[in-house]
Amino acid sequence: MVKDDLKYTDTHEWIKISGKEATIGITDYAQKELGDIVYVELPEIGAELAAKEILTTVEAVKAVEEIYIPISGRVIDVNSKLADTPDLLNSSPYDEGWIAKVEIMDEDEIENLLSAEDYKKLIGE
């Protein structure tokens, strides 16, 4: 499942832009590839990250995967539900399973993200 109203990265993160804020998570494709997710290291609120830096790590039964921030931003909120129920990334990757919200630092970077159509081509849908 690829949602048309989101932007994507070639490393399987999604981002929803809303004014100067963006919500970030992993795609349905990513969670299927990872399998059962058992732990999410939440990013630190206030952290300022450049595009493509590590936002967090996600631990699944079969792998530990780094999750990258799609655009430069300052973390303003994290999904604290993931601390107790990391499997929300499996069951609801686009809704309840969001990872972080950031204040966008460079809006020009949005142009570097993939459209839903481009992401579908990337994953062979």
C-alpha atoms as a PDB file:
ATOM      1  CA  MET A   1       0.000   0.000   0.000  1.00  0.00           C
ATOM      2  CA  VAL A   2       1.348   3.407  -1.055  1.00  0.00           C
ATOM      3  CA  LYS A   3      -0.616   6.510  -0.067  1.00  0.00           C
ATOM      4  CA  ASP A   4      -0.890   9.173  -2.753  1.00  0.00           C
ATOM      5  CA  ASP A   5      -0.819  12.146  -0.347  1.00  0.00           C
ATOM      6  CA  LEU A   6       2.651  11.366   1.042  1.00  0.00           C
ATOM      7  CA  LYS A   7       6.227  11.780  -0.175  1.00  0.00           C
ATOM      8  CA  TYR A   8       8.750   8.938   0.021  1.00  0.00           C
ATOM      9  CA  THR A   9      12.460   8.145   0.109  1.00  0.00           C
ATOM     10  CA  ASP A  10      14.419   5.418  -1.632  1.00  0.00           C
ATOM     11  CA  THR A  11      15.235   4.072   1.865  1.00  0.00           C
ATOM     12  CA  HIS A  12      11.495   3.466   2.508  1.00  0.00           C
ATOM     13  CA  GLU A  13      10.532   6.328   4.819  1.00  0.00           C
ATOM     14  CA  TRP A  14       7.350   8.320   4.246  1.00  0.00           C
ATOM     15  CA  ILE A  15       6.790  11.966   5.068  1.00  0.00           C
ATOM     16  CA  LYS A  16       3.604  13.983   5.312  1.00  0.00           C
ATOM     17  CA  ILE A  17       4.132  17.711   4.868  1.00  0.00           C
ATOM     18  CA  SER A  18       1.758  20.061   6.692  1.00  0.00           C
ATOM     19  CA  GLY A  19       2.930  23.657   6.453  1.00  0.00           C
ATOM     20  CA  LYS A  20       6.263  23.956   8.289  1.00  0.00           C
ATOM     21  CA  GLU A  21       5.809  20.575  10.000  1.00  0.00           C
ATOM     22  CA  ALA A  22       6.290  17.054   8.741  1.00  0.00           C
ATOM     23  CA  THR A  23       5.332  13.660  10.134  1.00  0.00           C
ATOM     24  CA  ILE A  24       7.702  10.768   9.383  1.00  0.00           C
ATOM     25  CA  GLY A  25       7.352   6.994   9.446  1.00  0.00           C
ATOM     26  CA  ILE A  26       8.321   3.858   7.569  1.00  0.00           C
ATOM     27  CA  THR A  27       6.394   2.535   4.609  1.00  0.00           C
ATOM     28  CA  ASP A  28       4.196  -0.524   4.462  1.00  0.00           C
ATOM     29  CA  TYR A  29       6.809  -2.082   2.179  1.00  0.00           C
ATOM     30  CA  ALA A  30       9.535  -1.462   4.795  1.00  0.00           C
ATOM     31  CA  GLN A  31       7.572  -2.998   7.654  1.00  0.00           C
ATOM     32  CA  LYS A  32       6.835  -6.105   5.558  1.00  0.00           C
ATOM     33  CA  GLU A  33      10.531  -6.464   4.712  1.00  0.00           C
ATOM     34  CA  LEU A  34      11.524  -6.077   8.373  1.00  0.00           C
ATOM     35  CA  GLY A  35       8.961  -8.510   9.748  1.00  0.00           C
ATOM     36  CA  ASP A  36       7.812  -8.346  13.363  1.00  0.00           C
ATOM     37  CA  ILE A  37       9.082  -5.116  14.915  1.00  0.00           C
ATOM     38  CA  VAL A  38       9.952  -5.531  18.596  1.00  0.00           C
ATOM     39  CA  TYR A  39      11.662  -2.252  19.553  1.00  0.00           C
ATOM     40  CA  VAL A  40      11.828   1.360  18.393  1.00  0.00           C
ATOM     41  CA  GLU A  41      14.467   3.747  19.703  1.00  0.00           C
ATOM     42  CA  LEU A  42      12.615   7.058  19.735  1.00  0.00           C
ATOM     43  CA  PRO A  43      14.497  10.142  18.575  1.00  0.00           C
ATOM     44  CA  GLU A  44      15.279  12.897  21.047  1.00  0.00           C
ATOM     45  CA  ILE A  45      12.923  15.886  21.050  1.00  0.00           C
ATOM     46  CA  GLY A  46      14.873  18.996  20.097  1.00  0.00           C
ATOM     47  CA  ALA A  47      17.428  17.095  18.020  1.00  0.00           C
ATOM     48  CA  GLU A  48      18.341  18.918  14.803  1.00  0.00           C
ATOM     49  CA  LEU A  49      19.190  16.595  11.935  1.00  0.00           C
ATOM     50  CA  ALA A  50      20.291  17.146   8.355  1.00  0.00           C
ATOM     51  CA  ALA A  51      18.526  15.297   5.554  1.00  0.00           C
ATOM     52  CA  LYS A  52      19.470  11.593   5.383  1.00  0.00           C
ATOM     53  CA  GLU A  53      20.983  11.507   8.881  1.00  0.00           C
ATOM     54  CA  ILE A  54      19.848   8.692  11.181  1.00  0.00           C
ATOM     55  CA  LEU A  55      16.565   9.614  12.857  1.00  0.00           C
ATOM     56  CA  THR A  56      16.196   6.388  14.821  1.00  0.00           C
ATOM     57  CA  THR A  57      16.688   2.637  14.752  1.00  0.00           C
ATOM     58  CA  VAL A  58      14.047  -0.053  14.580  1.00  0.00           C
ATOM     59  CA  GLU A  59      14.652  -3.578  15.810  1.00  0.00           C
ATOM     60  CA  ALA A  60      12.790  -6.468  14.240  1.00  0.00           C
ATOM     61  CA  VAL A  61      13.069 -10.158  15.022  1.00  0.00           C
ATOM     62  CA  LYS A  62      15.441 -10.645  12.091  1.00  0.00           C
ATOM     63  CA  ALA A  63      17.244  -7.276  11.743  1.00  0.00           C
ATOM     64  CA  VAL A  64      18.066  -3.866  13.170  1.00  0.00           C
ATOM     65  CA  GLU A  65      17.429  -1.104  10.663  1.00  0.00           C
ATOM     66  CA  GLU A  66      18.381   2.564  10.672  1.00  0.00           C
ATOM     67  CA  ILE A  67      15.609   5.012   9.797  1.00  0.00           C
ATOM     68  CA  TYR A  68      16.723   8.210   8.101  1.00  0.00           C
ATOM     69  CA  ILE A  69      15.183  11.672   8.261  1.00  0.00           C
ATOM     70  CA  PRO A  70      13.984  12.547   4.732  1.00  0.00           C
ATOM     71  CA  ILE A  71      14.591  16.306   5.075  1.00  0.00           C
ATOM     72  CA  SER A  72      16.498  18.537   7.477  1.00  0.00           C
ATOM     73  CA  GLY A  73      14.472  19.259  10.584  1.00  0.00           C
ATOM     74  CA  ARG A  74      14.203  19.659  14.339  1.00  0.00           C
ATOM     75  CA  VAL A  75      12.330  16.899  16.181  1.00  0.00           C
ATOM     76  CA  ILE A  76       9.300  18.465  17.883  1.00  0.00           C
ATOM     77  CA  ASP A  77       7.298  15.340  18.822  1.00  0.00           C
ATOM     78  CA  VAL A  78       7.732  11.572  18.988  1.00  0.00           C
ATOM     79  CA  ASN A  79       5.173   8.792  19.007  1.00  0.00           C
ATOM     80  CA  SER A  80       5.590   7.623  22.611  1.00  0.00           C
ATOM     81  CA  LYS A  81       3.090   4.779  21.982  1.00  0.00           C
ATOM     82  CA  LEU A  82       5.869   2.991  20.095  1.00  0.00           C
ATOM     83  CA  ALA A  83       7.830   2.508  23.329  1.00  0.00           C
ATOM     84  CA  ASP A  84       5.203   0.047  24.591  1.00  0.00           C
ATOM     85  CA  THR A  85       3.709  -1.119  21.283  1.00  0.00           C
ATOM     86  CA  PRO A  86       6.433  -1.048  18.606  1.00  0.00           C
ATOM     87  CA  ASP A  87       4.320  -3.392  16.469  1.00  0.00           C
ATOM     88  CA  LEU A  88       2.166  -0.359  15.541  1.00  0.00           C
ATOM     89  CA  LEU A  89       4.770   0.038  12.797  1.00  0.00           C
ATOM     90  CA  ASN A  90       3.566  -3.310  11.442  1.00  0.00           C
ATOM     91  CA  SER A  91      -0.174  -2.939  11.976  1.00  0.00           C
ATOM     92  CA  SER A  92      -0.568   0.768  11.131  1.00  0.00           C
ATOM     93  CA  PRO A  93       2.587   2.157   9.463  1.00  0.00           C
ATOM     94  CA  TYR A  94       0.860   5.244   8.005  1.00  0.00           C
ATOM     95  CA  ASP A  95      -1.466   6.158  10.857  1.00  0.00           C
ATOM     96  CA  GLU A  96      -0.854   5.062  14.455  1.00  0.00           C
ATOM     97  CA  GLY A  97       2.715   3.961  13.652  1.00  0.00           C
ATOM     98  CA  TRP A  98       4.231   7.346  12.813  1.00  0.00           C
ATOM     99  CA  ILE A  99       7.656   7.843  14.392  1.00  0.00           C
ATOM    100  CA  ALA A 100       8.349  11.571  14.712  1.00  0.00           C
ATOM    101  CA  LYS A 101       7.189  15.050  13.829  1.00  0.00           C
ATOM    102  CA  VAL A 102       9.733  17.627  12.776  1.00  0.00           C
ATOM    103  CA  GLU A 103       9.889  21.322  12.099  1.00  0.00           C
ATOM    104  CA  ILE A 104      11.131  21.635   8.507  1.00  0.00           C
ATOM    105  CA  MET A 105      14.428  23.525   8.259  1.00  0.00           C
ATOM    106  CA  ASP A 106      14.861  23.577   4.447  1.00  0.00           C
ATOM    107  CA  GLU A 107      11.698  23.435   2.356  1.00  0.00           C
ATOM    108  CA  ASP A 108      13.723  23.146  -0.872  1.00  0.00           C
ATOM    109  CA  GLU A 109      14.641  19.570   0.127  1.00  0.00           C
ATOM    110  CA  ILE A 110      11.011  18.509  -0.390  1.00  0.00           C
ATOM    111  CA  GLU A 111      11.744  18.543  -4.130  1.00  0.00           C
ATOM    112  CA  ASN A 112      14.254  15.691  -3.620  1.00  0.00           C
ATOM    113  CA  LEU A 113      11.582  13.313  -2.285  1.00  0.00           C
ATOM    114  CA  LEU A 114       9.768  10.684  -4.332  1.00  0.00           C
ATOM    115  CA  SER A 115       6.138  11.025  -5.348  1.00  0.00           C
ATOM    116  CA  ALA A 116       3.803   8.106  -4.638  1.00  0.00           C
ATOM    117  CA  GLU A 117       4.034   7.164  -8.328  1.00  0.00           C
ATOM    118  CA  ASP A 118       7.850   7.170  -8.273  1.00  0.00           C
ATOM    119  CA  TYR A 119       7.897   5.145  -5.047  1.00  0.00           C
ATOM    120  CA  LYS A 120       5.548   2.544  -6.563  1.00  0.00           C
ATOM    121  CA  LYS A 121       8.003   2.149  -9.452  1.00  0.00           C
ATOM    122  CA  LEU A 122      10.889   1.777  -6.980  1.00  0.00           C
ATOM    123  CA  ILE A 123       9.223  -1.114  -5.128  1.00  0.00           C
ATOM    124  CA  GLY A 124       7.808  -2.689  -8.284  1.00  0.00           C
ATOM    125  CA  GLU A 125       4.102  -2.021  -7.681  1.00  0.00           C
END
